[in-house]
Amino acid sequence: MPDGYPAGIMRIPLNEAFGENRAMSASPHEQGSSRPSGWLIAGCLLAVYVIWGTTYFAIKVGIEGTPPFFLVGTRFLVAGGLLVLWQAGRGRPMPTARQWRGAALLGFLMLVVGNGGVAVAEHWVSSGATVALISVMPLATALWSGAFGQWPRRMEWGAIALGGVGAAVMLMGRDLQGSLIGTLVILCGTACWSLGTVLARRVDLPQGPTGFGAEMLAAGVLALVLSALLGEHWILPHSPRVWWAWSYLVVFGSLIAFSAYRFVVERVSPNLAATYAYVNPPVALLVGWWLGNESFSSNILLGLPIVLSSVALHAWVQTRDYGNAARLRVATPDDAAPSSAAS
């Protein structure tokens, strides 16, 4: 079975799931002996689906009073620093030099270019249209996985293709055709984020919160370096609205949702984690319309149901494979027992 798919299901306590058991400190190849429960996976996906859907509007508000890469840099510097300090205070091992390099690579691809690209693009594109375009993420993730020898199964390709059709319908609307630069920036960020998602299972990183914190901390430093190179003005916002947006991004967008996302990538499947790109659009559109008075074209209303149908198919395929693998794992020791006794 490909590395991107779980070999079985094992219920583990919440504190073990976030880094206190042996499997979380083992290498990616050693983690197969312990798998998170279905409830924990569902909780993490719910956090990523809903919270991240709201962060696109928070980013839109944040760049009203803060340059984009300064916003990204300070957000992840604080969130990552808090997480690493919390782990250090609990006596957890800190990353090695090699692991810091891996964290910097993933942080640059996913958070500086990926998340930073969103912040830049939202100068021209609405938050709802931005996340609608990002719904191509599972397709990009599948292509990168294939480049590393882990092509999706046939039915997964069907789900990804269906999501691509929905995204194409949305792309033909006025929301995205009005800004070629913004659209290209979003697509570049999507490509880098999906590459980082796939590399996350191949790069040497500390497991659990230490690894998540190291990625955010490294990304924060790199984003601030890029901000300085681009000549952004480092000024603190005066508007309480911008401060609330920044705080929400630090606590909910980074500490909670990003950690949940990386947990699914690390312990379950990067393709399953990428399905957030299917569910975030309706959440982002609703929040942008409700809080930001954003409007959107009929193409969004036509494309979103197609995209949401694709995520349902993708999730069903993943769940079916997960259950089959678990039954096979349980049956194998019993099947092997007679031959062992005979020898």
Protein backbone atom coordinates (compact mmCIF):
# COMPACT_ATOMS: atom_id res chain seq x y z
CA MET A 1 0.00 0.00 0.00
CA PRO A 2 1.38 3.46 -0.86
CA ASP A 3 2.95 5.46 1.94
CA GLY A 4 0.27 8.14 1.73
CA TYR A 5 -2.46 5.81 3.01
CA PRO A 6 -2.94 4.58 6.56
CA ALA A 7 -2.21 0.95 7.38
CA GLY A 8 -4.82 0.71 10.15
CA ILE A 9 -6.69 2.50 12.90
CA MET A 10 -5.75 2.65 16.56
CA ARG A 11 -7.45 4.78 19.17
CA ILE A 12 -5.02 6.89 21.16
CA PRO A 13 -5.53 9.54 23.85
CA LEU A 14 -5.51 13.19 22.77
CA ASN A 15 -2.24 13.98 24.54
CA GLU A 16 -0.55 11.08 22.77
CA ALA A 17 -1.93 12.19 19.43
CA PHE A 18 -0.22 15.55 19.80
CA GLY A 19 3.24 14.32 20.46
CA GLU A 20 3.54 12.42 23.72
CA ASN A 21 3.73 8.85 22.42
CA ARG A 22 6.62 7.01 20.86
CA ALA A 23 5.13 7.02 17.38
CA MET A 24 5.15 10.79 17.20
CA SER A 25 8.86 10.92 17.93
CA ALA A 26 9.68 8.17 15.49
CA SER A 27 10.63 8.60 11.88
CA PRO A 28 7.88 8.65 9.24
CA HIS A 29 8.66 5.04 8.40
CA GLU A 30 8.23 3.99 12.03
CA GLN A 31 4.89 5.66 12.59
CA GLY A 32 2.78 2.93 10.99
CA SER A 33 2.31 1.12 14.30
CA SER A 34 0.11 3.90 15.76
CA ARG A 35 -2.72 5.68 14.00
CA PRO A 36 -5.12 8.36 15.26
CA SER A 37 -8.77 7.60 15.91
CA GLY A 38 -11.46 8.52 13.44
CA TRP A 39 -12.88 11.07 15.89
CA LEU A 40 -9.54 12.84 16.18
CA ILE A 41 -9.12 12.94 12.41
CA ALA A 42 -12.66 14.32 12.04
CA GLY A 43 -11.98 16.99 14.65
CA CYS A 44 -8.80 18.11 12.94
CA LEU A 45 -10.50 18.23 9.54
CA LEU A 46 -13.40 20.22 11.00
CA ALA A 47 -10.95 22.78 12.41
CA VAL A 48 -9.18 23.08 9.06
CA TYR A 49 -12.41 23.19 7.06
CA VAL A 50 -14.19 25.84 9.13
CA ILE A 51 -11.44 27.95 10.75
CA TRP A 52 -9.35 28.28 7.63
CA GLY A 53 -12.45 29.27 5.70
CA THR A 54 -12.75 32.31 7.96
CA THR A 55 -9.07 33.30 7.87
CA TYR A 56 -9.22 34.56 4.28
CA PHE A 57 -11.43 37.43 5.36
CA ALA A 58 -9.18 38.00 8.41
CA ILE A 59 -6.20 38.32 6.02
CA LYS A 60 -8.22 40.79 3.93
CA VAL A 61 -8.78 42.88 7.05
CA GLY A 62 -5.17 42.51 8.20
CA ILE A 63 -3.64 43.95 5.03
CA GLU A 64 -5.78 47.08 5.45
CA GLY A 65 -3.22 48.34 7.96
CA THR A 66 -0.19 46.05 7.55
CA PRO A 67 2.01 45.09 4.56
CA PRO A 68 1.35 41.48 3.48
CA PHE A 69 4.69 39.83 4.29
CA PHE A 70 5.04 41.80 7.51
CA LEU A 71 1.59 40.48 8.48
CA VAL A 72 2.62 36.91 7.58
CA GLY A 73 6.00 37.21 9.29
CA THR A 74 4.76 38.57 12.61
CA ARG A 75 1.83 36.15 12.65
CA PHE A 76 3.95 33.03 12.28
CA LEU A 77 6.86 34.34 14.34
CA VAL A 78 4.57 34.75 17.35
CA ALA A 79 2.57 31.53 16.80
CA GLY A 80 5.64 29.41 16.11
CA GLY A 81 7.60 30.96 18.95
CA LEU A 82 4.81 30.24 21.44
CA LEU A 83 4.51 26.63 20.31
CA VAL A 84 8.27 25.97 20.44
CA LEU A 85 8.59 27.63 23.85
CA TRP A 86 5.67 25.58 25.17
CA GLN A 87 7.35 22.38 23.99
CA ALA A 88 10.70 23.44 25.44
CA GLY A 89 9.02 24.18 28.78
CA ARG A 90 7.60 20.65 28.78
CA GLY A 91 11.08 19.24 28.27
CA ARG A 92 10.55 18.10 24.69
CA PRO A 93 13.65 17.76 22.46
CA MET A 94 14.33 20.75 20.24
CA PRO A 95 14.94 20.38 16.48
CA THR A 96 18.41 19.50 15.23
CA ALA A 97 20.18 21.66 12.64
CA ARG A 98 18.99 19.32 9.88
CA GLN A 99 15.42 19.49 11.15
CA TRP A 100 15.55 23.29 11.25
CA ARG A 101 16.56 23.24 7.57
CA GLY A 102 13.59 20.99 6.78
CA ALA A 103 11.29 23.26 8.76
CA ALA A 104 12.60 26.29 6.90
CA LEU A 105 12.00 24.60 3.52
CA LEU A 106 8.39 23.69 4.35
CA GLY A 107 7.75 27.02 6.05
CA PHE A 108 8.99 28.91 3.00
CA LEU A 109 6.92 26.90 0.50
CA MET A 110 3.69 26.67 2.49
CA LEU A 111 3.59 29.76 4.66
CA VAL A 112 5.80 32.41 3.04
CA VAL A 113 4.93 31.74 -0.61
CA GLY A 114 1.60 29.95 -0.11
CA ASN A 115 0.03 32.03 2.65
CA GLY A 116 1.98 35.15 1.71
CA GLY A 117 0.71 34.83 -1.85
CA VAL A 118 -2.86 34.91 -0.54
CA ALA A 119 -2.12 38.09 1.41
CA VAL A 120 -0.61 39.73 -1.68
CA ALA A 121 -3.39 38.59 -4.04
CA GLU A 122 -6.17 39.88 -1.79
CA HIS A 123 -5.10 43.42 -2.69
CA TRP A 124 -6.87 42.74 -6.03
CA VAL A 125 -9.11 39.69 -5.46
CA SER A 126 -11.91 39.22 -2.93
CA SER A 127 -11.38 36.74 -0.11
CA GLY A 128 -14.16 34.48 -1.40
CA ALA A 129 -12.84 34.37 -4.96
CA THR A 130 -9.32 33.73 -3.64
CA VAL A 131 -10.31 30.62 -1.73
CA ALA A 132 -12.54 29.47 -4.59
CA LEU A 133 -9.47 29.35 -6.85
CA ILE A 134 -7.48 27.53 -4.18
CA SER A 135 -9.98 24.67 -4.50
CA VAL A 136 -7.61 23.24 -7.16
CA MET A 137 -5.26 22.33 -4.29
CA PRO A 138 -6.10 18.59 -4.23
CA LEU A 139 -5.30 18.32 -7.94
CA ALA A 140 -1.94 20.01 -7.41
CA THR A 141 -1.22 17.81 -4.38
CA ALA A 142 -2.06 14.67 -6.37
CA LEU A 143 0.23 15.72 -9.21
CA TRP A 144 3.12 16.41 -6.83
CA SER A 145 2.46 13.06 -5.11
CA GLY A 146 2.59 11.38 -8.50
CA ALA A 147 5.92 13.04 -9.21
CA PHE A 148 7.20 11.22 -6.12
CA GLY A 149 5.72 7.89 -7.24
CA GLN A 150 2.41 7.91 -5.34
CA TRP A 151 -0.30 8.44 -7.94
CA PRO A 152 -3.91 8.60 -6.69
CA ARG A 153 -6.23 5.68 -7.30
CA ARG A 154 -8.72 5.74 -10.16
CA MET A 155 -11.71 6.90 -8.13
CA GLU A 156 -9.60 9.58 -6.46
CA TRP A 157 -8.72 10.90 -9.89
CA GLY A 158 -12.44 11.08 -10.62
CA ALA A 159 -13.02 13.13 -7.47
CA ILE A 160 -10.10 15.43 -8.27
CA ALA A 161 -11.27 15.88 -11.86
CA LEU A 162 -14.77 16.74 -10.65
CA GLY A 163 -13.31 19.34 -8.29
CA GLY A 164 -11.28 20.74 -11.18
CA VAL A 165 -14.44 21.16 -13.25
CA GLY A 166 -16.07 23.09 -10.44
CA ALA A 167 -12.99 25.28 -10.08
CA ALA A 168 -12.99 25.95 -13.86
CA VAL A 169 -16.60 27.10 -13.71
CA MET A 170 -15.69 29.54 -10.95
CA LEU A 171 -12.63 30.76 -12.85
CA MET A 172 -14.82 31.85 -15.78
CA GLY A 173 -16.65 34.33 -13.56
CA ARG A 174 -15.93 38.02 -13.21
CA ASP A 175 -14.49 37.51 -9.72
CA LEU A 176 -11.14 36.20 -11.00
CA GLN A 177 -11.00 37.43 -14.58
CA GLY A 178 -10.68 41.00 -13.34
CA SER A 179 -7.12 40.55 -12.04
CA LEU A 180 -4.61 38.41 -13.94
CA ILE A 181 -1.80 39.28 -11.51
CA GLY A 182 -3.84 38.28 -8.49
CA THR A 183 -4.92 35.02 -10.13
CA LEU A 184 -1.32 34.10 -11.06
CA VAL A 185 -0.08 34.88 -7.54
CA ILE A 186 -2.77 32.61 -6.08
CA LEU A 187 -1.89 29.78 -8.48
CA CYS A 188 1.84 30.12 -7.63
CA GLY A 189 1.07 30.01 -3.93
CA THR A 190 -1.18 26.99 -4.44
CA ALA A 191 1.57 25.11 -6.30
CA CYS A 192 4.11 25.83 -3.55
CA TRP A 193 1.72 24.94 -0.73
CA SER A 194 0.81 21.61 -2.35
CA LEU A 195 4.49 20.80 -2.93
CA GLY A 196 5.21 21.51 0.73
CA THR A 197 2.29 19.27 1.73
CA VAL A 198 3.82 16.34 -0.17
CA LEU A 199 7.39 17.03 0.99
CA ALA A 200 6.21 17.16 4.62
CA ARG A 201 6.19 13.35 4.74
CA ARG A 202 9.70 13.14 3.29
CA VAL A 203 11.61 15.87 5.11
CA ASP A 204 13.29 15.20 8.46
CA LEU A 205 11.20 17.10 11.02
CA PRO A 206 10.39 16.76 14.70
CA GLN A 207 7.02 15.07 15.09
CA GLY A 208 4.03 16.78 16.64
CA PRO A 209 3.81 20.37 17.95
CA THR A 210 7.59 20.88 17.95
CA GLY A 211 7.69 20.32 14.20
CA PHE A 212 4.64 22.51 13.55
CA GLY A 213 6.10 25.28 15.69
CA ALA A 214 9.50 25.06 14.01
CA GLU A 215 7.88 25.45 10.58
CA MET A 216 5.93 28.52 11.67
CA LEU A 217 8.89 30.07 13.48
CA ALA A 218 11.22 29.57 10.50
CA ALA A 219 8.54 30.90 8.14
CA GLY A 220 8.08 33.98 10.30
CA VAL A 221 11.78 34.81 10.12
CA LEU A 222 11.93 34.21 6.35
CA ALA A 223 8.81 36.29 5.72
CA LEU A 224 10.25 39.21 7.67
CA VAL A 225 13.51 38.94 5.71
CA LEU A 226 11.52 39.01 2.47
CA SER A 227 9.46 41.92 3.81
CA ALA A 228 12.65 43.89 4.48
CA LEU A 229 14.07 43.06 1.04
CA LEU A 230 10.87 44.26 -0.62
CA GLY A 231 11.02 47.53 1.32
CA GLU A 232 7.77 47.07 3.23
CA HIS A 233 7.18 49.60 5.99
CA TRP A 234 7.22 47.94 9.38
CA ILE A 235 4.50 49.85 11.15
CA LEU A 236 2.13 48.67 13.85
CA PRO A 237 -1.53 49.06 12.91
CA HIS A 238 -3.63 51.66 14.68
CA SER A 239 -7.03 50.11 13.97
CA PRO A 240 -8.50 47.71 16.58
CA ARG A 241 -10.12 45.89 13.66
CA VAL A 242 -6.69 45.04 12.23
CA TRP A 243 -5.37 43.96 15.64
CA TRP A 244 -8.35 41.63 16.11
CA ALA A 245 -7.73 40.13 12.67
CA TRP A 246 -4.04 39.60 13.44
CA SER A 247 -4.84 37.98 16.81
CA TYR A 248 -7.40 35.69 15.20
CA LEU A 249 -4.85 34.61 12.58
CA VAL A 250 -2.25 33.84 15.28
CA VAL A 251 -4.49 31.84 17.61
CA PHE A 252 -7.06 30.20 15.37
CA GLY A 253 -5.45 30.26 11.94
CA SER A 254 -1.96 29.23 13.07
CA LEU A 255 -1.89 27.59 16.49
CA ILE A 256 -5.10 25.59 16.01
CA ALA A 257 -5.89 25.14 12.31
CA PHE A 258 -2.35 24.87 10.92
CA SER A 259 -1.37 22.40 13.62
CA ALA A 260 -4.49 20.35 12.84
CA TYR A 261 -3.67 20.42 9.13
CA ARG A 262 -0.08 19.28 9.65
CA PHE A 263 -1.33 16.54 11.97
CA VAL A 264 -3.54 15.10 9.21
CA VAL A 265 -0.69 15.36 6.67
CA GLU A 266 1.77 13.70 9.04
CA ARG A 267 -0.42 10.96 10.48
CA VAL A 268 -3.04 10.20 7.82
CA SER A 269 -2.73 11.38 4.20
CA PRO A 270 -1.68 14.60 2.42
CA ASN A 271 -4.43 14.03 -0.14
CA LEU A 272 -7.08 13.89 2.60
CA ALA A 273 -5.62 17.01 4.23
CA ALA A 274 -5.82 18.84 0.90
CA THR A 275 -9.61 18.43 0.80
CA TYR A 276 -9.85 21.55 2.97
CA ALA A 277 -9.61 23.41 -0.34
CA TYR A 278 -13.03 22.03 -1.26
CA VAL A 279 -14.83 23.12 1.91
CA ASN A 280 -13.16 26.47 2.60
CA PRO A 281 -14.83 28.29 -0.37
CA PRO A 282 -18.43 28.27 0.90
CA VAL A 283 -17.26 29.25 4.38
CA ALA A 284 -15.09 32.07 3.01
CA LEU A 285 -17.84 33.29 0.69
CA LEU A 286 -20.36 33.39 3.51
CA VAL A 287 -18.01 35.24 5.86
CA GLY A 288 -16.92 37.69 3.15
CA TRP A 289 -20.55 38.42 2.24
CA TRP A 290 -21.70 38.66 5.85
CA LEU A 291 -18.85 40.68 7.38
CA GLY A 292 -17.22 42.34 4.37
CA ASN A 293 -20.18 43.02 2.06
CA GLU A 294 -18.34 41.14 -0.70
CA SER A 295 -20.27 40.12 -3.81
CA PHE A 296 -19.66 37.18 -6.10
CA SER A 297 -20.81 36.06 -9.54
CA SER A 298 -23.23 33.32 -10.48
CA ASN A 299 -20.25 31.19 -11.55
CA ILE A 300 -19.36 30.78 -7.89
CA LEU A 301 -22.86 29.53 -7.13
CA LEU A 302 -22.66 27.08 -10.03
CA GLY A 303 -19.13 25.84 -9.35
CA LEU A 304 -19.30 25.35 -5.61
CA PRO A 305 -21.86 22.50 -5.59
CA ILE A 306 -19.67 20.63 -8.07
CA VAL A 307 -16.64 21.14 -5.85
CA LEU A 308 -18.49 20.04 -2.72
CA SER A 309 -19.68 16.89 -4.51
CA SER A 310 -16.08 16.08 -5.34
CA VAL A 311 -14.97 16.34 -1.71
CA ALA A 312 -17.73 13.96 -0.68
CA LEU A 313 -16.51 11.41 -3.24
CA HIS A 314 -12.88 11.91 -2.24
CA ALA A 315 -13.66 11.48 1.45
CA TRP A 316 -15.68 8.33 0.75
CA VAL A 317 -12.77 6.77 -1.19
CA GLN A 318 -10.34 7.63 1.61
CA THR A 319 -12.67 6.24 4.28
CA ARG A 320 -13.23 3.02 2.33
CA ASP A 321 -9.48 2.47 1.88
CA TYR A 322 -8.90 3.29 5.54
CA GLY A 323 -11.44 0.68 6.67
CA ASN A 324 -10.17 -2.00 4.27
CA ALA A 325 -6.61 -1.47 5.47
CA ALA A 326 -7.70 -1.72 9.11
CA ARG A 327 -9.55 -5.01 8.51
CA LEU A 328 -6.55 -6.41 6.64
CA ARG A 329 -4.25 -5.39 9.50
CA VAL A 330 -6.47 -7.14 12.06
CA ALA A 331 -6.85 -10.29 9.95
CA THR A 332 -3.20 -10.76 9.04
CA PRO A 333 -1.89 -11.99 12.45
CA ASP A 334 -4.65 -14.64 12.65
CA ASP A 335 -4.05 -15.79 9.10
CA ALA A 336 -0.35 -16.06 9.73
CA ALA A 337 -0.67 -18.00 12.99
CA PRO A 338 -1.07 -21.55 11.53
CA SER A 339 1.98 -21.24 9.32
CA SER A 340 4.01 -19.92 12.24
CA ALA A 341 2.95 -22.85 14.40
CA ALA A 342 3.74 -25.31 11.63
CA SER A 343 7.27 -24.05 11.39
